[in-house]
PDB file of N, CA and C in Angstrom:
ATOM      1  N   MET A   1       0.877  -1.220  -0.061  1.00  0.00           N
ATOM      2  CA  MET A   1      -0.298   0.041  -0.242  1.00  0.00           C
ATOM      3  C   MET A   1       1.031   0.688   0.059  1.00  0.00           C
ATOM      4  N   GLY A   2       0.357   2.618  -0.908  1.00  0.00           N
ATOM      5  CA  GLY A   2       1.415   3.342  -1.399  1.00  0.00           C
ATOM      6  C   GLY A   2       1.103   4.162   0.071  1.00  0.00           C
ATOM      7  N   ILE A   3       1.524   5.770  -0.057  1.00  0.00           N
ATOM      8  CA  ILE A   3       1.628   6.935   0.426  1.00  0.00           C
ATOM      9  C   ILE A   3       0.074   7.172   0.735  1.00  0.00           C
ATOM     10  N   LEU A   4      -0.404   7.324  -1.274  1.00  0.00           N
ATOM     11  CA  LEU A   4      -1.728   8.221  -1.487  1.00  0.00           C
ATOM     12  C   LEU A   4      -2.586   7.189  -0.963  1.00  0.00           C
ATOM     13  N   ASP A   5      -2.363   5.953  -0.905  1.00  0.00           N
ATOM     14  CA  ASP A   5      -3.793   4.942  -0.592  1.00  0.00           C
ATOM     15  C   ASP A   5      -4.198   5.648   1.038  1.00  0.00           C
ATOM     16  N   LYS A   6      -3.216   5.853   1.769  1.00  0.00           N
ATOM     17  CA  LYS A   6      -2.971   6.444   2.650  1.00  0.00           C
ATOM     18  C   LYS A   6      -3.257   7.500   3.347  1.00  0.00           C
ATOM     19  N   ILE A   7      -3.422   8.704   2.254  1.00  0.00           N
ATOM     20  CA  ILE A   7      -3.760   9.698   2.499  1.00  0.00           C
ATOM     21  C   ILE A   7      -5.392   9.416   2.137  1.00  0.00           C
ATOM     22  N   LEU A   8      -5.288   9.008   0.972  1.00  0.00           N
ATOM     23  CA  LEU A   8      -6.681   8.970   0.172  1.00  0.00           C
ATOM     24  C   LEU A   8      -7.790   7.901   1.316  1.00  0.00           C
ATOM     25  N   GLY A   9      -7.172   7.161   2.283  1.00  0.00           N
ATOM     26  CA  GLY A   9      -8.446   6.703   3.007  1.00  0.00           C
ATOM     27  C   GLY A   9      -8.278   5.189   2.775  1.00  0.00           C
ATOM     28  N   HIS A  10      -7.702   4.784   0.812  1.00  0.00           N
ATOM     29  CA  HIS A  10      -8.159   3.172   0.760  1.00  0.00           C
ATOM     30  C   HIS A  10      -7.736   2.101   1.657  1.00  0.00           C
ATOM     31  N   ASP A  11      -7.112   2.879   2.548  1.00  0.00           N
ATOM     32  CA  ASP A  11      -6.979   1.626   3.600  1.00  0.00           C
ATOM     33  C   ASP A  11      -8.105   0.964   4.494  1.00  0.00           C
ATOM     34  N   GLU A  12      -9.284   1.739   4.836  1.00  0.00           N
ATOM     35  CA  GLU A  12     -10.460   1.747   5.943  1.00  0.00           C
ATOM     36  C   GLU A  12     -11.359   1.050   4.829  1.00  0.00           C
ATOM     37  N   PRO A  13     -12.079  -0.114   5.825  1.00  0.00           N
ATOM     38  CA  PRO A  13     -13.254  -1.333   5.322  1.00  0.00           C
ATOM     39  C   PRO A  13     -14.248  -0.247   4.792  1.00  0.00           C
ATOM     40  N   VAL A  14     -14.677  -0.570   3.755  1.00  0.00           N
ATOM     41  CA  VAL A  14     -15.865  -0.170   2.954  1.00  0.00           C
ATOM     42  C   VAL A  14     -17.356  -0.776   3.966  1.00  0.00           C
ATOM     43  N   ALA A  15     -18.208   0.396   4.336  1.00  0.00           N
ATOM     44  CA  ALA A  15     -18.957   0.205   5.376  1.00  0.00           C
ATOM     45  C   ALA A  15     -20.176  -0.414   4.710  1.00  0.00           C
ATOM     46  N   GLU A  16     -21.092  -1.704   5.529  1.00  0.00           N
ATOM     47  CA  GLU A  16     -21.443  -2.481   4.749  1.00  0.00           C
ATOM     48  C   GLU A  16     -23.013  -1.759   4.799  1.00  0.00           C
ATOM     49  N   VAL A  17     -23.390  -2.048   3.631  1.00  0.00           N
ATOM     50  CA  VAL A  17     -24.880  -1.369   3.319  1.00  0.00           C
ATOM     51  C   VAL A  17     -26.149  -2.119   3.800  1.00  0.00           C
ATOM     52  N   PRO A  18     -27.134  -1.556   4.762  1.00  0.00           N
ATOM     53  CA  PRO A  18     -27.809  -2.241   5.288  1.00  0.00           C
ATOM     54  C   PRO A  18     -29.077  -3.101   4.372  1.00  0.00           C
ATOM     55  N   PRO A  19     -29.538  -3.816   4.668  1.00  0.00           N
ATOM     56  CA  PRO A  19     -30.772  -4.378   4.023  1.00  0.00           C
ATOM     57  C   PRO A  19     -31.921  -3.686   3.935  1.00  0.00           C
ATOM     58  N   VAL A  20     -32.373  -3.175   2.490  1.00  0.00           N
ATOM     59  CA  VAL A  20     -33.670  -2.531   2.169  1.00  0.00           C
ATOM     60  C   VAL A  20     -34.451  -3.925   2.836  1.00  0.00           C
ATOM     61  N   ASP A  21     -35.289  -3.001   3.079  1.00  0.00           N
ATOM     62  CA  ASP A  21     -36.580  -3.749   3.741  1.00  0.00           C
ATOM     63  C   ASP A  21     -37.746  -3.513   2.810  1.00  0.00           C
ATOM     64  N   ASP A  22     -38.481  -4.722   2.419  1.00  0.00           N
ATOM     65  CA  ASP A  22     -39.269  -4.765   1.155  1.00  0.00           C
ATOM     66  C   ASP A  22     -40.877  -5.155   1.787  1.00  0.00           C
ATOM     67  N   ALA A  23     -40.743  -4.355   2.924  1.00  0.00           N
ATOM     68  CA  ALA A  23     -42.262  -4.303   4.063  1.00  0.00           C
ATOM     69  C   ALA A  23     -43.281  -4.084   2.982  1.00  0.00           C
ATOM     70  N   PRO A  24     -44.372  -3.941   2.439  1.00  0.00           N
ATOM     71  CA  PRO A  24     -45.319  -3.101   1.908  1.00  0.00           C
ATOM     72  C   PRO A  24     -45.631  -1.980   2.128  1.00  0.00           C
ATOM     73  N   CYS A  25     -45.938  -1.076   1.569  1.00  0.00           N
ATOM     74  CA  CYS A  25     -46.038   0.340   1.921  1.00  0.00           C
ATOM     75  C   CYS A  25     -47.796   0.299   2.833  1.00  0.00           C
ATOM     76  N   PRO A  26     -47.565   1.157   3.654  1.00  0.00           N
ATOM     77  CA  PRO A  26     -49.023   0.736   4.378  1.00  0.00           C
ATOM     78  C   PRO A  26     -49.735   2.360   4.034  1.00  0.00           C
ATOM     79  N   HIS A  27     -49.379   2.775   3.164  1.00  0.00           N
ATOM     80  CA  HIS A  27     -49.802   4.050   2.752  1.00  0.00           C
ATOM     81  C   HIS A  27     -50.786   4.807   3.639  1.00  0.00           C
ATOM     82  N   THR A  28     -49.586   5.485   4.655  1.00  0.00           N
ATOM     83  CA  THR A  28     -50.319   6.494   5.789  1.00  0.00           C
ATOM     84  C   THR A  28     -50.266   7.773   5.144  1.00  0.00           C
ATOM     85  N   ALA A  29     -49.696   8.245   4.173  1.00  0.00           N
ATOM     86  CA  ALA A  29     -49.346   9.360   3.938  1.00  0.00           C
ATOM     87  C   ALA A  29     -50.425   9.989   2.337  1.00  0.00           C
ATOM     88  N   LEU A  30     -51.408   9.355   2.430  1.00  0.00           N
ATOM     89  CA  LEU A  30     -52.551   9.557   1.695  1.00  0.00           C
ATOM     90  C   LEU A  30     -52.514  11.314   1.604  1.00  0.00           C
ATOM     91  N   ALA A  31     -52.686  11.912  -0.251  1.00  0.00           N
ATOM     92  CA  ALA A  31     -53.350  12.891  -0.445  1.00  0.00           C
ATOM     93  C   ALA A  31     -54.077  12.914  -1.511  1.00  0.00           C
ATOM     94  N   GLN A  32     -55.336  14.168  -1.244  1.00  0.00           N
ATOM     95  CA  GLN A  32     -56.269  13.762  -2.005  1.00  0.00           C
ATOM     96  C   GLN A  32     -55.901  15.174  -3.359  1.00  0.00           C
ATOM     97  N   HIS A  33     -56.817  14.321  -4.754  1.00  0.00           N
ATOM     98  CA  HIS A  33     -56.360  15.332  -5.349  1.00  0.00           C
ATOM     99  C   HIS A  33     -57.356  15.490  -6.524  1.00  0.00           C
ATOM    100  N   TRP A  34     -57.761  16.847  -7.254  1.00  0.00           N
ATOM    101  CA  TRP A  34     -59.623  16.695  -7.809  1.00  0.00           C
ATOM    102  C   TRP A  34     -58.593  16.601  -9.468  1.00  0.00           C
ATOM    103  N   ASP A  35     -60.024  16.499 -10.707  1.00  0.00           N
ATOM    104  CA  ASP A  35     -59.532  16.866 -11.501  1.00  0.00           C
ATOM    105  C   ASP A  35     -60.067  18.749 -11.846  1.00  0.00           C
ATOM    106  N   SER A  36     -60.720  18.969 -11.166  1.00  0.00           N
ATOM    107  CA  SER A  36     -61.090  20.391 -11.681  1.00  0.00           C
ATOM    108  C   SER A  36     -61.603  21.229 -10.420  1.00  0.00           C
ATOM    109  N   LEU A  37     -62.023  22.543  -9.952  1.00  0.00           N
ATOM    110  CA  LEU A  37     -62.118  22.819  -9.101  1.00  0.00           C
ATOM    111  C   LEU A  37     -63.588  22.905  -8.650  1.00  0.00           C
ATOM    112  N   ASP A  38     -64.642  22.761  -9.169  1.00  0.00           N
ATOM    113  CA  ASP A  38     -65.988  22.061  -8.843  1.00  0.00           C
ATOM    114  C   ASP A  38     -66.089  20.980  -8.208  1.00  0.00           C
ATOM    115  N   GLU A  39     -64.799  19.944  -8.194  1.00  0.00           N
ATOM    116  CA  GLU A  39     -65.342  18.894  -7.894  1.00  0.00           C
ATOM    117  C   GLU A  39     -64.071  18.588  -5.924  1.00  0.00           C
ATOM    118  N   MET A  40     -63.209  19.985  -5.828  1.00  0.00           N
ATOM    119  CA  MET A  40     -62.944  20.324  -4.725  1.00  0.00           C
ATOM    120  C   MET A  40     -63.789  20.290  -3.650  1.00  0.00           C
ATOM    121  N   GLY A  41     -63.048  19.335  -2.405  1.00  0.00           N
ATOM    122  CA  GLY A  41     -64.218  19.207  -1.099  1.00  0.00           C
ATOM    123  C   GLY A  41     -64.774  18.017  -1.332  1.00  0.00           C
ATOM    124  N   LYS A  42     -65.121  17.259  -2.201  1.00  0.00           N
ATOM    125  CA  LYS A  42     -66.113  16.338  -2.765  1.00  0.00           C
ATOM    126  C   LYS A  42     -64.866  15.113  -2.458  1.00  0.00           C
ATOM    127  N   ALA A  43     -64.945  14.459  -1.027  1.00  0.00           N
ATOM    128  CA  ALA A  43     -64.100  13.532  -0.967  1.00  0.00           C
ATOM    129  C   ALA A  43     -64.241  12.026  -2.082  1.00  0.00           C
ATOM    130  N   GLU A  44     -65.407  11.853  -2.375  1.00  0.00           N
ATOM    131  CA  GLU A  44     -65.773  10.905  -3.453  1.00  0.00           C
ATOM    132  C   GLU A  44     -65.497  11.033  -5.142  1.00  0.00           C
ATOM    133  N   LEU A  45     -65.046  11.939  -5.207  1.00  0.00           N
ATOM    134  CA  LEU A  45     -64.817  12.346  -6.478  1.00  0.00           C
ATOM    135  C   LEU A  45     -63.094  13.122  -6.336  1.00  0.00           C
ATOM    136  N   ALA A  46     -62.390  12.833  -5.298  1.00  0.00           N
ATOM    137  CA  ALA A  46     -60.679  13.152  -5.365  1.00  0.00           C
ATOM    138  C   ALA A  46     -60.171  11.518  -5.708  1.00  0.00           C
ATOM    139  N   THR A  47     -59.330  11.621  -6.446  1.00  0.00           N
ATOM    140  CA  THR A  47     -58.125  10.740  -6.419  1.00  0.00           C
ATOM    141  C   THR A  47     -56.796  10.952  -5.419  1.00  0.00           C
ATOM    142  N   TYR A  48     -57.023   9.489  -4.863  1.00  0.00           N
ATOM    143  CA  TYR A  48     -56.227   9.243  -3.701  1.00  0.00           C
ATOM    144  C   TYR A  48     -54.951   9.486  -4.025  1.00  0.00           C
ATOM    145  N   ARG A  49     -53.490   9.617  -3.580  1.00  0.00           N
ATOM    146  CA  ARG A  49     -51.734   9.524  -4.022  1.00  0.00           C
ATOM    147  C   ARG A  49     -51.418   9.428  -2.638  1.00  0.00           C
ATOM    148  N   CYS A  50     -50.456   8.552  -2.053  1.00  0.00           N
ATOM    149  CA  CYS A  50     -49.853   8.065  -1.550  1.00  0.00           C
ATOM    150  C   CYS A  50     -48.622   8.615  -1.837  1.00  0.00           C
ATOM    151  N   GLU A  51     -47.944   9.532  -1.293  1.00  0.00           N
ATOM    152  CA  GLU A  51     -47.108  10.090  -0.914  1.00  0.00           C
ATOM    153  C   GLU A  51     -45.466   9.429  -0.553  1.00  0.00           C
ATOM    154  N   SER A  52     -45.697   8.452  -0.149  1.00  0.00           N
ATOM    155  CA  SER A  52     -44.727   7.419   0.220  1.00  0.00           C
ATOM    156  C   SER A  52     -44.049   6.695  -0.972  1.00  0.00           C
ATOM    157  N   CYS A  53     -45.219   5.973  -1.952  1.00  0.00           N
ATOM    158  CA  CYS A  53     -45.017   4.744  -2.632  1.00  0.00           C
ATOM    159  C   CYS A  53     -45.649   5.295  -4.504  1.00  0.00           C
ATOM    160  N   SER A  54     -45.842   6.497  -4.354  1.00  0.00           N
ATOM    161  CA  SER A  54     -46.992   7.604  -5.210  1.00  0.00           C
ATOM    162  C   SER A  54     -47.945   6.268  -5.971  1.00  0.00           C
ATOM    163  N   LEU A  55     -48.300   5.320  -5.127  1.00  0.00           N
ATOM    164  CA  LEU A  55     -49.751   4.849  -5.909  1.00  0.00           C
ATOM    165  C   LEU A  55     -50.431   5.417  -5.910  1.00  0.00           C
ATOM    166  N   GLU A  56     -51.779   5.228  -6.394  1.00  0.00           N
ATOM    167  CA  GLU A  56     -52.971   6.351  -6.824  1.00  0.00           C
ATOM    168  C   GLU A  56     -53.903   5.576  -6.445  1.00  0.00           C
ATOM    169  N   PHE A  57     -55.266   5.775  -5.684  1.00  0.00           N
ATOM    170  CA  PHE A  57     -56.711   5.010  -5.499  1.00  0.00           C
ATOM    171  C   PHE A  57     -57.473   5.975  -5.655  1.00  0.00           C
ATOM    172  N   SER A  58     -58.872   5.150  -6.023  1.00  0.00           N
ATOM    173  CA  SER A  58     -60.268   6.120  -6.005  1.00  0.00           C
ATOM    174  C   SER A  58     -60.550   5.938  -4.588  1.00  0.00           C
ATOM    175  N   TYR A  59     -61.580   6.709  -4.143  1.00  0.00           N
ATOM    176  CA  TYR A  59     -61.921   6.995  -3.392  1.00  0.00           C
ATOM    177  C   TYR A  59     -62.769   5.589  -2.416  1.00  0.00           C
ATOM    178  N   GLN A  60     -62.998   4.592  -3.060  1.00  0.00           N
ATOM    179  CA  GLN A  60     -63.656   3.460  -2.404  1.00  0.00           C
ATOM    180  C   GLN A  60     -62.862   2.519  -2.013  1.00  0.00           C
ATOM    181  N   GLU A  61     -61.193   2.484  -2.785  1.00  0.00           N
ATOM    182  CA  GLU A  61     -59.960   1.781  -2.104  1.00  0.00           C
ATOM    183  C   GLU A  61     -59.472   2.645  -1.501  1.00  0.00           C
ATOM    184  N   ALA A  62     -59.194   3.902  -1.296  1.00  0.00           N
ATOM    185  CA  ALA A  62     -58.781   4.654   0.037  1.00  0.00           C
ATOM    186  C   ALA A  62     -59.507   4.432   1.000  1.00  0.00           C
ATOM    187  N   ARG A  63     -60.690   4.481   1.346  1.00  0.00           N
ATOM    188  CA  ARG A  63     -61.366   4.429   2.514  1.00  0.00           C
ATOM    189  C   ARG A  63     -60.961   3.711   3.372  1.00  0.00           C
ATOM    190  N   GLN A  64     -60.305   2.137   3.063  1.00  0.00           N
ATOM    191  CA  GLN A  64     -60.082   1.454   3.893  1.00  0.00           C
ATOM    192  C   GLN A  64     -58.367   1.792   4.694  1.00  0.00           C
ATOM    193  N   TYR A  65     -57.579   2.447   3.804  1.00  0.00           N
ATOM    194  CA  TYR A  65     -56.554   3.389   4.752  1.00  0.00           C
ATOM    195  C   TYR A  65     -56.886   4.308   5.384  1.00  0.00           C
ATOM    196  N   LEU A  66     -58.040   5.101   5.194  1.00  0.00           N
ATOM    197  CA  LEU A  66     -58.752   6.868   5.561  1.00  0.00           C
ATOM    198  C   LEU A  66     -59.397   6.398   7.099  1.00  0.00           C
ATOM    199  N   GLU A  67     -60.044   5.519   6.733  1.00  0.00           N
ATOM    200  CA  GLU A  67     -60.995   4.461   8.372  1.00  0.00           C
ATOM    201  C   GLU A  67     -60.450   4.139   9.524  1.00  0.00           C
ATOM    202  N   GLU A  68     -59.545   3.174   9.262  1.00  0.00           N
ATOM    203  CA  GLU A  68     -58.336   2.663  10.322  1.00  0.00           C
ATOM    204  C   GLU A  68     -57.383   2.395   9.638  1.00  0.00           C
ATOM    205  N   PRO A  69     -56.244   2.547  11.272  1.00  0.00           N
ATOM    206  CA  PRO A  69     -54.566   2.553  10.865  1.00  0.00           C
ATOM    207  C   PRO A  69     -54.663   1.302  10.512  1.00  0.00           C
ATOM    208  N   PRO A  70     -53.178   1.479   9.374  1.00  0.00           N
ATOM    209  CA  PRO A  70     -52.801   0.371   9.338  1.00  0.00           C
ATOM    210  C   PRO A  70     -52.740  -0.641  10.222  1.00  0.00           C
ATOM    211  N   ALA A  71     -52.049  -1.728   9.794  1.00  0.00           N
ATOM    212  CA  ALA A  71     -51.324  -2.868  11.010  1.00  0.00           C
ATOM    213  C   ALA A  71     -50.054  -1.884  11.818  1.00  0.00           C
ATOM    214  N   VAL A  72     -49.025  -1.496  11.327  1.00  0.00           N
ATOM    215  CA  VAL A  72     -47.890  -0.515  11.371  1.00  0.00           C
ATOM    216  C   VAL A  72     -47.731   0.345  12.367  1.00  0.00           C
ATOM    217  N   LEU A  73     -49.006   0.708  12.072  1.00  0.00           N
ATOM    218  CA  LEU A  73     -49.647   2.400  13.543  1.00  0.00           C
ATOM    219  C   LEU A  73     -50.193   1.910  14.611  1.00  0.00           C
ATOM    220  N   ALA A  74     -50.562   0.783  14.361  1.00  0.00           N
ATOM    221  CA  ALA A  74     -51.610   0.034  15.551  1.00  0.00           C
ATOM    222  C   ALA A  74     -51.039  -0.974  16.259  1.00  0.00           C
ATOM    223  N   SER A  75     -49.909  -2.024  16.027  1.00  0.00           N
ATOM    224  CA  SER A  75     -48.724  -2.601  16.536  1.00  0.00           C
ATOM    225  C   SER A  75     -47.479  -1.541  17.079  1.00  0.00           C
ATOM    226  N   THR A  76     -47.158  -0.226  17.235  1.00  0.00           N
ATOM    227  CA  THR A  76     -46.728   0.630  17.937  1.00  0.00           C
ATOM    228  C   THR A  76     -46.875   0.516  19.314  1.00  0.00           C
ATOM    229  N   PRO A  77     -45.716   0.445  19.966  1.00  0.00           N
ATOM    230  CA  PRO A  77     -45.678   0.050  21.299  1.00  0.00           C
ATOM    231  C   PRO A  77     -45.648   1.318  21.882  1.00  0.00           C
ATOM    232  N   GLU A  78     -46.334   1.434  22.966  1.00  0.00           N
ATOM    233  CA  GLU A  78     -47.082   3.024  23.621  1.00  0.00           C
ATOM    234  C   GLU A  78     -45.866   3.586  24.446  1.00  0.00           C
ATOM    235  N   SER A  79     -45.272   4.713  24.665  1.00  0.00           N
ATOM    236  CA  SER A  79     -44.539   4.865  25.220  1.00  0.00           C
ATOM    237  C   SER A  79     -44.949   4.915  27.033  1.00  0.00           C
TER     238      SER A  79
END
């Protein structure tokens, strides 16, 4: 190993990359989007976009996430 390797830090071990969590998105960050101003404020006419994973849902599909918390949040221990 040369002096440049020591100066540039090439002798230090490379940090391990943590594994990627492949758990499904709980869709806890749903944002409403409407196609026109006349539709604004009417929940059943909105498209719901998850700000975490970018999936879009209709009102009927989004209701399950809006009405009850996902299991991820329900299983969080209280302090």
